[in-house]
Amino acid sequence: MAKDFYAVLGVDRSAPDKEIKSAYRRLARKHHPDVNPGDKASETLFKEINAAHDVLADPEKRRRYDKYGDNWERADEIERMQRQRGGPNTGFRYTTTAGQDAGPDFDIGDIFGGLFGGNGRRGGRRTEQPPPPMEYAVEVTLEEAFQGTKRVIMVAGDHGDSRRLEVTIPPGVDSGSRVRMAGEGQTTFSGRRGDLYLVIGVKPSPHYERKGEDLYTDVEVPLSTPVLGGEVEVQGIEKKVALRLPAGTQNGQTFRLKGLGMPKLGQPDKHGDLLARVKVKLPKEPDDATKALFEQLREAGL
């Protein structure tokens, strides 16, 4: 008998979605193959954790699992058989993985005869469900998220082994982005392979603050430039550009540079903007001449 998904995640059957998600993230980090290289037990548990999360995080799948246990994937066939039989009968009672009563009586022989066919039972072929999707956490820099990049990852195999896989991360990803790798996940007994999802995390940048597709950066300028006006250089991720400050520019004032922000995910030819914030640079240890100049400014009321 398959393991109880609730037991795999260590939560009660009444656990809310938030608790299930939290338990999954904690256990997935703990038993990830990258954290436990060569640990076959952790690899097996990691698969079970992903399978449990795939079902319990989906409201409809969870409802079916709560009612039919190991046979939740066959819920439609089971309920159709029940309707055809007109409701409760004197057959066996079905129980879930955890031993809970699944509800009205029905004939186990008829149900599984309908699913698998043969031996004089109702015909029909079993439709194999795809395996649950796998998730793999990938961390990139902001510059890599801007340009797109590649990674070579090790994905847990189906027999306790690992396989090497080169993946492409498209431009414009952000923390929380999910990149689907079709057919790169787990394999069923018939050879059908599920999907792998790369869950992206973008490292904070020391130079830029990201808000959606826009980037913010501080531009240090000497005091004379914003007062008198002048040209300053602004470093974007891809290139430097010249920005002309008008006379009387205030400290903290922001200037928008169109099209120099992050590319839009899925539309790399479209970009957000770069917003340059003026940060006046003052002398930390002014010499005598500088002090005299500022004394004059103070006397002038400036």
Protein backbone atom coordinates (compact mmCIF):
# COMPACT_ATOMS: atom_id res chain seq x y z
CA MET A 1 0.00 0.00 0.00
CA ALA A 2 1.24 3.49 -0.85
CA LYS A 3 2.26 5.80 1.95
CA ASP A 4 -0.28 8.24 3.39
CA PHE A 5 0.47 11.64 1.82
CA TYR A 6 -0.44 13.45 5.04
CA ALA A 7 2.03 11.31 6.96
CA VAL A 8 4.74 11.98 4.36
CA LEU A 9 4.41 15.75 4.94
CA GLY A 10 3.88 15.32 8.68
CA VAL A 11 0.55 17.20 8.80
CA ASP A 12 -2.97 16.40 10.01
CA ARG A 13 -5.70 15.55 7.53
CA SER A 14 -7.41 18.83 8.50
CA ALA A 15 -4.26 20.92 7.87
CA PRO A 16 -4.91 24.18 5.93
CA ASP A 17 -3.23 24.85 2.58
CA LYS A 18 -0.70 27.22 4.15
CA GLU A 19 0.51 24.54 6.57
CA ILE A 20 0.83 21.98 3.78
CA LYS A 21 2.87 24.38 1.64
CA SER A 22 5.11 25.27 4.59
CA ALA A 23 5.73 21.61 5.45
CA TYR A 24 6.54 20.81 1.81
CA ARG A 25 9.08 23.60 1.47
CA ARG A 26 10.81 22.65 4.72
CA LEU A 27 11.04 18.95 3.85
CA ALA A 28 12.00 19.55 0.19
CA ARG A 29 14.93 21.72 1.27
CA LYS A 30 16.02 19.15 3.85
CA HIS A 31 15.91 16.13 1.53
CA HIS A 32 16.87 17.73 -1.80
CA PRO A 33 19.43 15.57 -3.68
CA ASP A 34 21.82 18.52 -3.92
CA VAL A 35 21.84 18.78 -0.12
CA ASN A 36 22.23 15.01 0.35
CA PRO A 37 24.44 13.78 -2.52
CA GLY A 38 24.55 10.00 -2.73
CA ASP A 39 21.90 9.52 -0.02
CA LYS A 40 19.46 7.08 -1.61
CA ALA A 41 16.99 7.26 1.26
CA SER A 42 16.76 11.05 0.95
CA GLU A 43 16.27 10.78 -2.82
CA THR A 44 13.39 8.35 -2.33
CA LEU A 45 11.83 10.55 0.35
CA PHE A 46 12.26 13.62 -1.86
CA LYS A 47 10.14 11.91 -4.55
CA GLU A 48 7.47 11.01 -1.99
CA ILE A 49 7.41 14.58 -0.69
CA ASN A 50 6.90 15.96 -4.21
CA ALA A 51 4.15 13.42 -4.94
CA ALA A 52 2.35 14.24 -1.69
CA HIS A 53 2.55 17.98 -2.30
CA ASP A 54 1.28 17.67 -5.87
CA VAL A 55 -1.93 16.04 -4.58
CA LEU A 56 -2.54 17.87 -1.30
CA ALA A 57 -1.78 21.34 -2.72
CA ASP A 58 -4.51 20.91 -5.35
CA PRO A 59 -8.02 21.27 -3.83
CA GLU A 60 -9.71 18.88 -6.26
CA LYS A 61 -6.99 16.23 -6.09
CA ARG A 62 -7.02 16.49 -2.29
CA ARG A 63 -10.79 16.01 -2.19
CA ARG A 64 -10.48 12.87 -4.27
CA TYR A 65 -7.58 11.58 -2.21
CA ASP A 66 -9.46 12.17 1.04
CA LYS A 67 -12.36 10.14 -0.33
CA TYR A 68 -10.61 7.36 -2.28
CA GLY A 69 -7.08 7.18 -0.89
CA ASP A 70 -4.63 5.29 -3.14
CA ASN A 71 -7.24 5.16 -5.90
CA TRP A 72 -7.91 8.91 -6.03
CA GLU A 73 -6.78 8.99 -9.68
CA ARG A 74 -9.66 6.64 -10.53
CA ALA A 75 -12.30 8.76 -8.79
CA ASP A 76 -14.23 9.51 -12.00
CA GLU A 77 -14.51 5.82 -12.92
CA ILE A 78 -15.48 4.83 -9.39
CA GLU A 79 -18.18 7.49 -9.12
CA ARG A 80 -19.50 6.62 -12.59
CA MET A 81 -19.82 2.96 -11.53
CA GLN A 82 -21.64 4.01 -8.37
CA ARG A 83 -24.12 6.08 -10.36
CA GLN A 84 -24.72 3.21 -12.80
CA ARG A 85 -25.46 0.88 -9.89
CA GLY A 86 -27.94 3.33 -8.45
CA GLY A 87 -26.15 4.09 -5.22
CA PRO A 88 -25.36 1.86 -2.19
CA ASN A 89 -25.42 -1.91 -2.54
CA THR A 90 -24.30 -4.90 -0.55
CA GLY A 91 -20.76 -5.06 -1.89
CA PHE A 92 -17.54 -4.32 -0.06
CA ARG A 93 -16.80 -0.97 1.54
CA TYR A 94 -13.78 0.88 0.30
CA THR A 95 -11.31 2.57 2.64
CA THR A 96 -8.66 5.22 2.10
CA THR A 97 -4.91 4.84 2.66
CA ALA A 98 -5.35 5.91 6.27
CA GLY A 99 -8.13 3.35 6.80
CA GLN A 100 -10.98 5.88 6.78
CA ASP A 101 -14.37 4.89 5.36
CA ALA A 102 -14.71 6.23 1.83
CA GLY A 103 -18.50 6.41 1.87
CA PRO A 104 -21.26 4.37 0.16
CA ASP A 105 -20.83 0.65 -0.55
CA PHE A 106 -19.91 -0.48 -4.04
CA ASP A 107 -18.74 -3.64 -5.74
CA ILE A 108 -14.96 -3.72 -5.86
CA GLY A 109 -15.00 -6.38 -8.57
CA ASP A 110 -17.18 -4.27 -10.85
CA ILE A 111 -15.15 -1.16 -10.25
CA PHE A 112 -11.79 -2.69 -11.09
CA GLY A 113 -13.27 -4.82 -13.83
CA GLY A 114 -14.42 -1.60 -15.46
CA LEU A 115 -11.02 -0.06 -15.07
CA PHE A 116 -8.85 -2.92 -16.27
CA GLY A 117 -11.23 -5.11 -18.34
CA GLY A 118 -10.92 -8.90 -18.91
CA ASN A 119 -12.32 -11.97 -17.16
CA GLY A 120 -15.89 -11.19 -18.29
CA ARG A 121 -15.97 -7.84 -16.48
CA ARG A 122 -16.96 -4.55 -18.08
CA GLY A 123 -14.49 -3.51 -20.76
CA GLY A 124 -12.41 -0.40 -20.87
CA ARG A 125 -8.76 0.50 -20.60
CA ARG A 126 -7.08 2.20 -17.73
CA THR A 127 -5.84 5.70 -18.57
CA GLU A 128 -2.45 6.16 -17.01
CA GLN A 129 -2.04 9.41 -15.15
CA PRO A 130 1.16 11.39 -15.71
CA PRO A 131 3.58 11.39 -12.78
CA PRO A 132 3.48 14.43 -10.49
CA PRO A 133 5.67 17.34 -11.60
CA MET A 134 9.06 17.80 -9.98
CA GLU A 135 10.45 21.12 -8.72
CA TYR A 136 14.07 22.22 -8.70
CA ALA A 137 15.26 25.45 -7.06
CA VAL A 138 17.69 27.54 -9.16
CA GLU A 139 19.33 30.76 -7.96
CA VAL A 140 20.59 33.36 -10.45
CA THR A 141 22.07 36.85 -10.28
CA LEU A 142 20.13 39.89 -11.48
CA GLU A 143 22.50 40.14 -14.45
CA GLU A 144 21.75 36.50 -15.38
CA ALA A 145 18.02 37.18 -15.02
CA PHE A 146 18.47 40.15 -17.38
CA GLN A 147 20.35 38.27 -20.09
CA GLY A 148 19.09 34.73 -19.59
CA THR A 149 21.49 31.94 -18.74
CA LYS A 150 22.07 28.19 -18.63
CA ARG A 151 22.62 25.81 -15.75
CA VAL A 152 23.70 22.20 -15.48
CA ILE A 153 21.69 20.49 -12.75
CA MET A 154 21.49 16.98 -11.32
CA VAL A 155 17.95 15.62 -11.28
CA ALA A 156 16.96 12.67 -9.10
CA GLY A 157 16.42 9.61 -11.28
CA ASP A 158 13.73 6.96 -11.08
CA HIS A 159 15.90 4.23 -9.54
CA GLY A 160 17.83 6.13 -6.89
CA ASP A 161 20.32 7.49 -9.43
CA SER A 162 20.78 11.03 -10.76
CA ARG A 163 20.98 12.39 -14.26
CA ARG A 164 22.75 15.45 -15.61
CA LEU A 165 20.56 18.01 -17.35
CA GLU A 166 21.40 21.34 -19.01
CA VAL A 167 18.55 23.82 -18.62
CA THR A 168 17.93 27.25 -20.14
CA ILE A 169 16.64 30.09 -17.99
CA PRO A 170 14.99 32.77 -20.13
CA PRO A 171 15.56 36.53 -19.78
CA GLY A 172 13.18 38.37 -17.44
CA VAL A 173 12.72 35.75 -14.71
CA ASP A 174 12.07 36.98 -11.19
CA SER A 175 12.06 35.33 -7.78
CA GLY A 176 9.15 32.90 -7.77
CA SER A 177 9.12 32.42 -11.55
CA ARG A 178 8.49 28.80 -12.61
CA VAL A 179 10.14 27.61 -15.81
CA ARG A 180 8.57 24.44 -17.22
CA MET A 181 10.86 21.75 -18.64
CA ALA A 182 8.39 19.47 -20.40
CA GLY A 183 9.12 15.76 -20.12
CA GLU A 184 12.14 16.12 -17.84
CA GLY A 185 10.57 14.92 -14.58
CA GLN A 186 9.75 11.50 -13.15
CA THR A 187 8.98 8.46 -15.30
CA THR A 188 5.98 6.11 -14.99
CA PHE A 189 6.26 2.34 -15.29
CA SER A 190 5.38 2.60 -18.99
CA GLY A 191 8.10 5.14 -19.68
CA ARG A 192 5.94 8.27 -19.71
CA ARG A 193 7.87 11.18 -18.23
CA GLY A 194 6.34 14.07 -16.30
CA ASP A 195 7.42 17.70 -16.21
CA LEU A 196 10.17 19.46 -14.28
CA TYR A 197 9.68 23.01 -13.01
CA LEU A 198 12.62 25.28 -12.25
CA VAL A 199 11.67 27.52 -9.33
CA ILE A 200 13.74 30.68 -9.72
CA GLY A 201 15.32 32.77 -6.98
CA VAL A 202 17.09 36.02 -7.96
CA LYS A 203 19.89 37.18 -5.67
CA PRO A 204 19.70 40.78 -4.40
CA SER A 205 21.94 43.16 -6.37
CA PRO A 206 24.27 45.66 -4.66
CA HIS A 207 23.69 48.13 -7.52
CA TYR A 208 20.02 47.86 -8.44
CA GLU A 209 16.65 47.59 -6.76
CA ARG A 210 14.06 45.75 -8.83
CA LYS A 211 10.34 46.53 -8.87
CA GLY A 212 8.65 44.38 -11.47
CA GLU A 213 10.36 45.17 -14.75
CA ASP A 214 11.75 48.55 -13.56
CA LEU A 215 15.19 48.99 -11.99
CA TYR A 216 16.27 51.71 -9.55
CA THR A 217 19.85 52.82 -9.07
CA ASP A 218 21.61 55.62 -7.14
CA VAL A 219 23.86 57.98 -9.09
CA GLU A 220 26.45 59.83 -7.01
CA VAL A 221 27.19 63.37 -8.25
CA PRO A 222 29.31 66.21 -6.83
CA LEU A 223 27.37 69.10 -5.30
CA SER A 224 28.16 71.50 -8.14
CA THR A 225 26.49 69.35 -10.81
CA PRO A 226 22.88 69.39 -9.52
CA VAL A 227 23.25 73.05 -8.50
CA LEU A 228 24.61 74.29 -11.82
CA GLY A 229 23.38 71.52 -14.08
CA GLY A 230 25.54 69.13 -16.02
CA GLU A 231 25.96 65.69 -17.50
CA VAL A 232 26.47 62.50 -15.47
CA GLU A 233 27.04 58.86 -16.45
CA VAL A 234 24.49 56.23 -15.45
CA GLN A 235 25.51 52.56 -15.52
CA GLY A 236 22.75 50.25 -16.76
CA ILE A 237 23.07 46.48 -16.69
CA GLU A 238 23.79 46.36 -20.41
CA LYS A 239 25.43 49.73 -21.09
CA LYS A 240 26.31 53.20 -19.79
CA VAL A 241 24.24 56.21 -20.80
CA ALA A 242 24.62 59.96 -20.36
CA LEU A 243 22.04 61.82 -18.26
CA ARG A 244 21.81 65.61 -18.28
CA LEU A 245 20.75 67.12 -14.98
CA PRO A 246 19.04 70.51 -15.13
CA ALA A 247 20.28 73.30 -12.85
CA GLY A 248 18.62 73.12 -9.46
CA THR A 249 18.23 69.35 -9.41
CA GLN A 250 17.34 68.22 -5.88
CA ASN A 251 19.01 65.48 -3.86
CA GLY A 252 16.97 62.27 -4.27
CA GLN A 253 15.28 63.44 -7.46
CA THR A 254 14.59 60.57 -9.86
CA PHE A 255 15.02 60.50 -13.64
CA ARG A 256 13.45 57.81 -15.84
CA LEU A 257 15.55 56.24 -18.58
CA LYS A 258 13.19 54.45 -20.95
CA GLY A 259 13.79 50.85 -21.99
CA LEU A 260 16.83 50.21 -19.79
CA GLY A 261 15.05 48.04 -17.22
CA MET A 262 14.44 44.29 -17.08
CA PRO A 263 13.15 42.41 -20.14
CA LYS A 264 9.59 41.14 -19.94
CA LEU A 265 9.44 37.39 -19.35
CA GLY A 266 8.36 35.74 -22.60
CA GLN A 267 8.82 39.00 -24.52
CA PRO A 268 12.55 39.76 -24.26
CA ASP A 269 12.33 42.61 -26.80
CA LYS A 270 10.20 44.60 -24.34
CA HIS A 271 11.87 46.21 -21.33
CA GLY A 272 10.96 48.17 -18.25
CA ASP A 273 12.75 51.42 -17.34
CA LEU A 274 15.82 52.37 -15.34
CA LEU A 275 15.18 55.04 -12.73
CA ALA A 276 18.27 57.00 -11.66
CA ARG A 277 18.10 58.64 -8.22
CA VAL A 278 20.43 61.58 -7.68
CA LYS A 279 22.63 61.19 -4.62
CA VAL A 280 24.71 64.30 -3.87
CA LYS A 281 28.23 63.44 -2.83
CA LEU A 282 29.61 65.76 -0.15
CA PRO A 283 33.27 65.99 0.87
CA LYS A 284 34.00 64.00 4.05
CA GLU A 285 37.15 65.95 4.97
CA PRO A 286 37.00 69.35 3.21
CA ASP A 287 40.25 71.25 2.85
CA ASP A 288 40.65 74.92 3.84
CA ALA A 289 39.72 76.23 0.41
CA THR A 290 36.52 74.15 0.35
CA LYS A 291 35.62 75.28 3.87
CA ALA A 292 36.13 78.93 2.86
CA LEU A 293 33.87 78.44 -0.16
CA PHE A 294 31.10 76.96 1.95
CA GLU A 295 31.48 79.78 4.48
CA GLN A 296 30.76 82.21 1.66
CA LEU A 297 27.73 80.17 0.65
CA ARG A 298 26.46 80.19 4.20
CA GLU A 299 26.88 83.93 4.46
CA ALA A 300 24.90 84.26 1.25
CA GLY A 301 22.09 82.23 2.80
CA LEU A 302 22.63 79.17 0.62
